[in-house]
Amino acid sequence: PTQKTQTSLFTKHKLKFPLNTEEDISKFEDVLKSEEEFNAACDELARFGGSNIYNFIKRRLTALLSNEQAKNYSLKGRKGKKPFEKLLLARLLVCAAEKSLNTTQKAVEDAICSWLKRAPERLQGYRKKFP
């Protein structure tokens, strides 16, 4: 039997991760508009697993979104920030976490909210280490 090898969604579209510009985020969102690509990405992310929901989200978001961009978002778009929940990336994380960890959308959103909230601290720590 021939084994079908699948190219990772995260390499085949020539996007550099973690996404570091609005333009890159927009390009990735365009990729995710395809139901086939969205489902493939969900399956791929779900395979990574995690010890708990926050660990899963932290590992995935750290790989997908730079702190430089994350600091511009909050889940609902409060405090003058952009609403992360409106991105297909947010739906993708919920999809993958539900498949991987048997969790709820609310738990995933809470974990995303916590991770986004800490972006400025992570950025500050990074700048101290690498001035």
Protein backbone atom coordinates (compact mmCIF):
# COMPACT_ATOMS: atom_id res chain seq x y z
CA PRO A 1 0.00 0.00 0.00
CA THR A 2 1.21 3.47 -0.83
CA GLN A 3 1.52 5.81 2.08
CA LYS A 4 0.25 9.31 1.49
CA THR A 5 2.61 11.88 2.95
CA GLN A 6 0.98 15.14 3.80
CA THR A 7 2.84 18.40 3.58
CA SER A 8 2.46 20.50 6.68
CA LEU A 9 0.14 23.45 6.22
CA PHE A 10 2.68 25.47 8.15
CA THR A 11 5.42 24.97 5.56
CA LYS A 12 3.57 24.69 2.27
CA HIS A 13 2.28 28.28 2.20
CA LYS A 14 5.71 29.84 2.70
CA LEU A 15 4.69 31.71 5.83
CA LYS A 16 7.27 32.26 8.54
CA PHE A 17 6.15 31.24 12.02
CA PRO A 18 5.65 32.66 14.51
CA LEU A 19 3.68 35.23 12.52
CA ASN A 20 5.34 38.57 13.12
CA THR A 21 3.41 41.08 10.99
CA GLU A 22 -0.22 42.00 10.36
CA GLU A 23 0.37 41.06 6.73
CA ASP A 24 1.50 37.54 7.71
CA ILE A 25 -1.52 37.13 9.99
CA SER A 26 -3.77 38.25 7.14
CA LYS A 27 -2.14 35.77 4.73
CA PHE A 28 -2.58 32.94 7.23
CA GLU A 29 -6.22 33.94 7.74
CA ASP A 30 -6.70 33.73 3.95
CA VAL A 31 -5.27 30.19 3.96
CA LEU A 32 -7.63 29.19 6.79
CA LYS A 33 -10.67 30.40 4.79
CA SER A 34 -10.42 27.16 2.82
CA GLU A 35 -12.39 24.53 4.74
CA GLU A 36 -9.94 21.85 3.60
CA GLU A 37 -6.91 23.83 4.84
CA PHE A 38 -8.66 24.73 8.11
CA ASN A 39 -9.50 21.09 8.84
CA ALA A 40 -5.98 19.93 7.94
CA ALA A 41 -4.49 22.60 10.24
CA CYS A 42 -6.87 21.61 13.05
CA ASP A 43 -5.82 17.96 12.76
CA GLU A 44 -2.14 18.89 12.63
CA LEU A 45 -2.32 21.12 15.71
CA ALA A 46 -4.42 18.59 17.64
CA ARG A 47 -1.63 16.02 17.31
CA PHE A 48 0.71 18.14 19.46
CA GLY A 49 -1.31 17.60 22.63
CA GLY A 50 -0.45 19.17 25.97
CA SER A 51 -0.51 18.36 29.67
CA ASN A 52 -3.48 20.71 30.20
CA ILE A 53 -5.42 23.29 28.24
CA TYR A 54 -3.16 26.25 29.08
CA ASN A 55 -0.05 24.21 28.22
CA PHE A 56 -1.62 23.22 24.88
CA ILE A 57 -2.54 26.83 24.01
CA LYS A 58 0.80 28.22 25.19
CA ARG A 59 2.76 25.74 23.08
CA ARG A 60 0.63 26.32 19.99
CA LEU A 61 0.42 30.12 20.24
CA THR A 62 4.13 30.48 20.98
CA ALA A 63 4.80 28.66 17.71
CA LEU A 64 2.13 30.53 15.73
CA LEU A 65 2.13 34.15 16.90
CA SER A 66 4.99 36.43 17.94
CA ASN A 67 4.72 38.35 21.22
CA GLU A 68 5.16 41.50 19.12
CA GLN A 69 1.81 40.73 17.45
CA ALA A 70 0.16 39.08 20.47
CA LYS A 71 0.48 42.29 22.50
CA ASN A 72 -1.89 43.99 20.03
CA TYR A 73 -4.72 41.54 20.74
CA SER A 74 -7.09 40.67 23.53
CA LEU A 75 -9.75 38.00 23.23
CA LYS A 76 -12.65 40.46 22.94
CA GLY A 77 -10.71 43.47 21.65
CA ARG A 78 -10.92 45.50 24.84
CA LYS A 79 -8.58 48.31 25.92
CA GLY A 80 -8.00 49.48 22.36
CA LYS A 81 -6.70 46.12 21.21
CA LYS A 82 -7.82 43.99 18.27
CA PRO A 83 -10.32 41.17 18.94
CA PHE A 84 -8.47 37.84 18.68
CA GLU A 85 -11.77 35.94 18.80
CA LYS A 86 -12.63 37.29 15.34
CA LEU A 87 -9.61 35.58 13.77
CA LEU A 88 -9.91 32.16 12.18
CA LEU A 89 -6.75 31.40 14.14
CA ALA A 90 -8.85 31.57 17.34
CA ARG A 91 -11.39 29.12 15.87
CA LEU A 92 -8.51 26.89 14.78
CA LEU A 93 -7.12 26.73 18.33
CA VAL A 94 -10.56 25.90 19.76
CA CYS A 95 -11.01 23.16 17.13
CA ALA A 96 -7.58 21.62 17.81
CA ALA A 97 -7.88 21.79 21.60
CA GLU A 98 -11.36 20.24 21.57
CA LYS A 99 -10.05 17.36 19.42
CA SER A 100 -6.90 16.87 21.44
CA LEU A 101 -7.98 17.45 25.03
CA ASN A 102 -11.74 16.90 25.21
CA THR A 103 -12.24 20.42 26.54
CA THR A 104 -14.76 23.24 26.11
CA GLN A 105 -14.64 26.37 24.00
CA LYS A 106 -14.82 28.48 27.18
CA ALA A 107 -11.75 26.76 28.68
CA VAL A 108 -9.82 27.33 25.45
CA GLU A 109 -10.86 30.99 25.33
CA ASP A 110 -9.78 31.47 28.95
CA ALA A 111 -6.36 29.97 28.14
CA ILE A 112 -6.01 32.17 25.03
CA CYS A 113 -7.00 35.21 27.11
CA SER A 114 -4.30 34.43 29.71
CA TRP A 115 -1.62 33.87 27.07
CA LEU A 116 -2.44 37.10 25.21
CA LYS A 117 -2.50 39.07 28.46
CA ARG A 118 1.08 38.01 29.23
CA ALA A 119 2.52 38.99 25.83
CA PRO A 120 3.88 42.39 27.01
CA GLU A 121 5.64 40.72 29.98
CA ARG A 122 7.19 38.07 27.71
CA LEU A 123 8.31 40.77 25.30
CA GLN A 124 9.89 42.77 28.11
CA GLY A 125 11.69 39.69 29.43
CA TYR A 126 12.94 38.87 25.95
CA ARG A 127 14.27 42.40 25.48
CA LYS A 128 16.13 42.19 28.79
CA LYS A 129 17.78 38.92 27.73
CA PHE A 130 18.55 40.12 24.19
CA PRO A 131 18.92 43.93 24.27
